[in-house]
Amino acid sequence: MATSPEAELYEFLRNQIAQRTKMAASDIQTDSVLVDLGLQSIDAVLMCGDVEDHFGVEMDPAAVFEHKTLDSFAQFILRKMNA
């Protein structure tokens, strides 16, 4: 069964954050505050590189910290994907 690009992105981001913070992906909610999850600057750089590779959109690592929640960050990426 095919998933929507939005669902794929949210799952991808949850897994990326979980990998970098040692949290369970299931504990990361759309309203989770990214800096409260323990993401560091290097995590933002690596995660944005993975987003670029996987979804084909250019990312500035600062965007991770410009968007407070997972949902806000994901919606930003979706807008870039649809541009």
N, C-alpha and C. Protein backbone atom coordinates (compact mmCIF):
# COMPACT_ATOMS: atom_id res chain seq x y z
N MET A 1 0.85 -1.18 0.00
CA MET A 1 0.00 0.00 0.00
C MET A 1 0.89 1.24 0.00
N ALA A 2 0.64 2.14 -0.92
CA ALA A 2 1.45 3.34 -1.05
C ALA A 2 1.07 4.34 0.05
N THR A 3 2.07 5.03 0.53
CA THR A 3 1.80 6.07 1.52
C THR A 3 1.91 7.42 0.83
N SER A 4 1.25 8.40 1.40
CA SER A 4 1.31 9.75 0.84
C SER A 4 2.70 10.33 1.10
N PRO A 5 3.11 11.30 0.26
CA PRO A 5 4.40 11.96 0.53
C PRO A 5 4.45 12.56 1.93
N GLU A 6 3.31 13.09 2.40
CA GLU A 6 3.27 13.68 3.74
C GLU A 6 3.51 12.61 4.81
N ALA A 7 2.83 11.48 4.71
CA ALA A 7 3.01 10.40 5.69
C ALA A 7 4.44 9.87 5.64
N GLU A 8 4.98 9.75 4.44
CA GLU A 8 6.36 9.27 4.30
C GLU A 8 7.33 10.24 4.96
N LEU A 9 7.10 11.54 4.76
CA LEU A 9 7.98 12.55 5.35
C LEU A 9 7.93 12.51 6.87
N TYR A 10 6.73 12.45 7.44
CA TYR A 10 6.61 12.41 8.90
C TYR A 10 7.31 11.18 9.47
N GLU A 11 7.13 10.04 8.83
CA GLU A 11 7.79 8.81 9.31
C GLU A 11 9.30 8.95 9.19
N PHE A 12 9.76 9.49 8.07
CA PHE A 12 11.18 9.70 7.85
C PHE A 12 11.77 10.60 8.93
N LEU A 13 11.11 11.74 9.20
CA LEU A 13 11.62 12.68 10.20
C LEU A 13 11.60 12.07 11.60
N ARG A 14 10.53 11.36 11.93
CA ARG A 14 10.48 10.70 13.25
C ARG A 14 11.65 9.73 13.41
N ASN A 15 11.92 8.95 12.37
CA ASN A 15 13.02 7.99 12.44
C ASN A 15 14.36 8.69 12.52
N GLN A 16 14.53 9.78 11.78
CA GLN A 16 15.77 10.55 11.84
C GLN A 16 16.01 11.10 13.25
N ILE A 17 14.98 11.70 13.81
CA ILE A 17 15.09 12.28 15.15
C ILE A 17 15.33 11.18 16.18
N ALA A 18 14.62 10.09 16.06
CA ALA A 18 14.78 8.97 17.01
C ALA A 18 16.22 8.45 16.97
N GLN A 19 16.75 8.30 15.78
CA GLN A 19 18.11 7.80 15.62
C GLN A 19 19.12 8.73 16.28
N ARG A 20 18.91 10.02 16.16
CA ARG A 20 19.87 10.99 16.67
C ARG A 20 19.70 11.29 18.16
N THR A 21 18.53 11.06 18.70
CA THR A 21 18.28 11.38 20.11
C THR A 21 18.13 10.14 20.98
N LYS A 22 18.16 8.97 20.36
CA LYS A 22 18.01 7.69 21.07
C LYS A 22 16.63 7.55 21.71
N MET A 23 15.65 8.26 21.15
CA MET A 23 14.26 8.14 21.60
C MET A 23 13.56 7.10 20.72
N ALA A 24 12.42 6.64 21.18
CA ALA A 24 11.58 5.78 20.34
C ALA A 24 10.82 6.69 19.38
N ALA A 25 10.79 6.29 18.10
CA ALA A 25 10.08 7.10 17.10
C ALA A 25 8.62 7.30 17.50
N SER A 26 8.05 6.31 18.15
CA SER A 26 6.64 6.41 18.56
C SER A 26 6.42 7.46 19.64
N ASP A 27 7.49 7.88 20.32
CA ASP A 27 7.38 8.91 21.35
C ASP A 27 7.47 10.33 20.77
N ILE A 28 7.78 10.43 19.49
CA ILE A 28 7.95 11.74 18.86
C ILE A 28 6.63 12.10 18.16
N GLN A 29 5.98 13.13 18.68
CA GLN A 29 4.67 13.54 18.18
C GLN A 29 4.82 14.75 17.25
N THR A 30 3.76 15.03 16.49
CA THR A 30 3.83 16.16 15.56
C THR A 30 4.00 17.49 16.28
N ASP A 31 3.53 17.56 17.53
CA ASP A 31 3.68 18.81 18.28
C ASP A 31 4.91 18.80 19.19
N SER A 32 5.78 17.80 19.02
CA SER A 32 7.01 17.76 19.79
C SER A 32 7.90 18.95 19.42
N VAL A 33 8.44 19.62 20.43
CA VAL A 33 9.34 20.75 20.21
C VAL A 33 10.73 20.18 19.92
N LEU A 34 11.26 20.51 18.75
CA LEU A 34 12.49 19.88 18.27
C LEU A 34 13.66 20.06 19.22
N VAL A 35 13.89 21.28 19.72
CA VAL A 35 15.04 21.48 20.61
C VAL A 35 14.84 20.75 21.94
N ASP A 36 13.61 20.58 22.36
CA ASP A 36 13.35 19.85 23.60
C ASP A 36 13.64 18.35 23.45
N LEU A 37 13.69 17.88 22.22
CA LEU A 37 14.00 16.47 21.98
C LEU A 37 15.49 16.20 22.10
N GLY A 38 16.28 17.26 22.16
CA GLY A 38 17.72 17.10 22.32
C GLY A 38 18.51 17.17 21.03
N LEU A 39 17.91 17.68 19.96
CA LEU A 39 18.65 17.82 18.71
C LEU A 39 19.75 18.86 18.86
N GLN A 40 20.92 18.54 18.39
CA GLN A 40 22.07 19.44 18.41
C GLN A 40 22.30 19.97 16.99
N SER A 41 23.18 20.94 16.86
CA SER A 41 23.47 21.53 15.55
C SER A 41 23.95 20.48 14.55
N ILE A 42 24.83 19.59 14.99
CA ILE A 42 25.34 18.55 14.08
C ILE A 42 24.20 17.64 13.63
N ASP A 43 23.24 17.38 14.51
CA ASP A 43 22.09 16.57 14.14
C ASP A 43 21.29 17.25 13.04
N ALA A 44 21.13 18.57 13.14
CA ALA A 44 20.39 19.33 12.14
C ALA A 44 21.08 19.24 10.78
N VAL A 45 22.40 19.36 10.78
CA VAL A 45 23.17 19.28 9.53
C VAL A 45 23.00 17.90 8.89
N LEU A 46 23.16 16.86 9.69
CA LEU A 46 23.05 15.50 9.17
C LEU A 46 21.63 15.19 8.71
N MET A 47 20.65 15.60 9.50
CA MET A 47 19.26 15.33 9.15
C MET A 47 18.88 16.06 7.87
N CYS A 48 19.30 17.30 7.72
CA CYS A 48 18.98 18.05 6.50
C CYS A 48 19.64 17.41 5.28
N GLY A 49 20.85 16.90 5.45
CA GLY A 49 21.51 16.18 4.35
C GLY A 49 20.72 14.95 3.96
N ASP A 50 20.20 14.23 4.94
CA ASP A 50 19.40 13.04 4.65
C ASP A 50 18.08 13.41 3.99
N VAL A 51 17.46 14.52 4.42
CA VAL A 51 16.22 14.99 3.78
C VAL A 51 16.51 15.35 2.33
N GLU A 52 17.62 16.06 2.08
CA GLU A 52 17.99 16.42 0.71
C GLU A 52 18.16 15.18 -0.15
N ASP A 53 18.89 14.19 0.36
CA ASP A 53 19.15 12.97 -0.40
C ASP A 53 17.87 12.18 -0.67
N HIS A 54 17.01 12.09 0.32
CA HIS A 54 15.81 11.25 0.22
C HIS A 54 14.68 11.93 -0.56
N PHE A 55 14.50 13.23 -0.35
CA PHE A 55 13.35 13.92 -0.94
C PHE A 55 13.72 14.89 -2.06
N GLY A 56 15.02 15.11 -2.30
CA GLY A 56 15.45 15.95 -3.41
C GLY A 56 15.15 17.43 -3.26
N VAL A 57 15.16 17.93 -2.03
CA VAL A 57 14.95 19.36 -1.80
C VAL A 57 16.17 19.92 -1.07
N GLU A 58 16.56 21.14 -1.42
CA GLU A 58 17.69 21.77 -0.73
C GLU A 58 17.25 22.25 0.64
N MET A 59 18.08 21.99 1.62
CA MET A 59 17.74 22.32 3.00
C MET A 59 18.88 23.10 3.64
N ASP A 60 18.52 24.11 4.41
CA ASP A 60 19.47 24.84 5.25
C ASP A 60 19.29 24.29 6.66
N PRO A 61 20.35 23.77 7.28
CA PRO A 61 20.21 23.20 8.62
C PRO A 61 19.59 24.16 9.64
N ALA A 62 19.72 25.46 9.43
CA ALA A 62 19.11 26.43 10.35
C ALA A 62 17.59 26.27 10.37
N ALA A 63 17.02 25.72 9.30
CA ALA A 63 15.57 25.55 9.23
C ALA A 63 15.05 24.67 10.36
N VAL A 64 15.87 23.73 10.81
CA VAL A 64 15.45 22.86 11.92
C VAL A 64 15.12 23.70 13.14
N PHE A 65 15.92 24.72 13.40
CA PHE A 65 15.75 25.53 14.60
C PHE A 65 14.82 26.73 14.37
N GLU A 66 14.49 26.99 13.10
CA GLU A 66 13.55 28.06 12.79
C GLU A 66 12.10 27.59 12.92
N HIS A 67 11.92 26.29 13.01
CA HIS A 67 10.58 25.70 13.13
C HIS A 67 10.52 24.98 14.47
N LYS A 68 9.64 25.43 15.31
CA LYS A 68 9.60 24.95 16.69
C LYS A 68 9.23 23.47 16.80
N THR A 69 8.21 23.06 16.07
CA THR A 69 7.70 21.69 16.23
C THR A 69 8.01 20.82 15.02
N LEU A 70 7.89 19.53 15.21
CA LEU A 70 8.04 18.58 14.11
C LEU A 70 7.06 18.92 13.00
N ASP A 71 5.82 19.24 13.35
CA ASP A 71 4.80 19.55 12.36
C ASP A 71 5.19 20.78 11.54
N SER A 72 5.64 21.83 12.19
CA SER A 72 6.04 23.05 11.50
C SER A 72 7.19 22.77 10.54
N PHE A 73 8.18 22.02 10.99
CA PHE A 73 9.34 21.67 10.15
C PHE A 73 8.90 20.82 8.96
N ALA A 74 8.04 19.83 9.21
CA ALA A 74 7.57 18.96 8.13
C ALA A 74 6.76 19.76 7.10
N GLN A 75 5.92 20.66 7.56
CA GLN A 75 5.12 21.47 6.64
C GLN A 75 6.03 22.36 5.79
N PHE A 76 7.10 22.87 6.37
CA PHE A 76 8.09 23.66 5.63
C PHE A 76 8.71 22.82 4.51
N ILE A 77 9.08 21.59 4.84
CA ILE A 77 9.68 20.69 3.83
C ILE A 77 8.65 20.37 2.75
N LEU A 78 7.43 20.10 3.14
CA LEU A 78 6.37 19.79 2.16
C LEU A 78 6.17 20.96 1.18
N ARG A 79 6.20 22.18 1.70
CA ARG A 79 6.08 23.34 0.81
C ARG A 79 7.23 23.39 -0.19
N LYS A 80 8.43 23.07 0.27
CA LYS A 80 9.59 23.04 -0.62
C LYS A 80 9.43 21.93 -1.66
N MET A 81 8.92 20.79 -1.25
CA MET A 81 8.72 19.66 -2.17
C MET A 81 7.70 20.01 -3.25
N ASN A 82 6.70 20.79 -2.89
CA ASN A 82 5.61 21.11 -3.81
C ASN A 82 5.87 22.38 -4.62
N ALA A 83 6.98 23.06 -4.35
CA ALA A 83 7.28 24.32 -5.06
C ALA A 83 7.73 24.05 -6.49
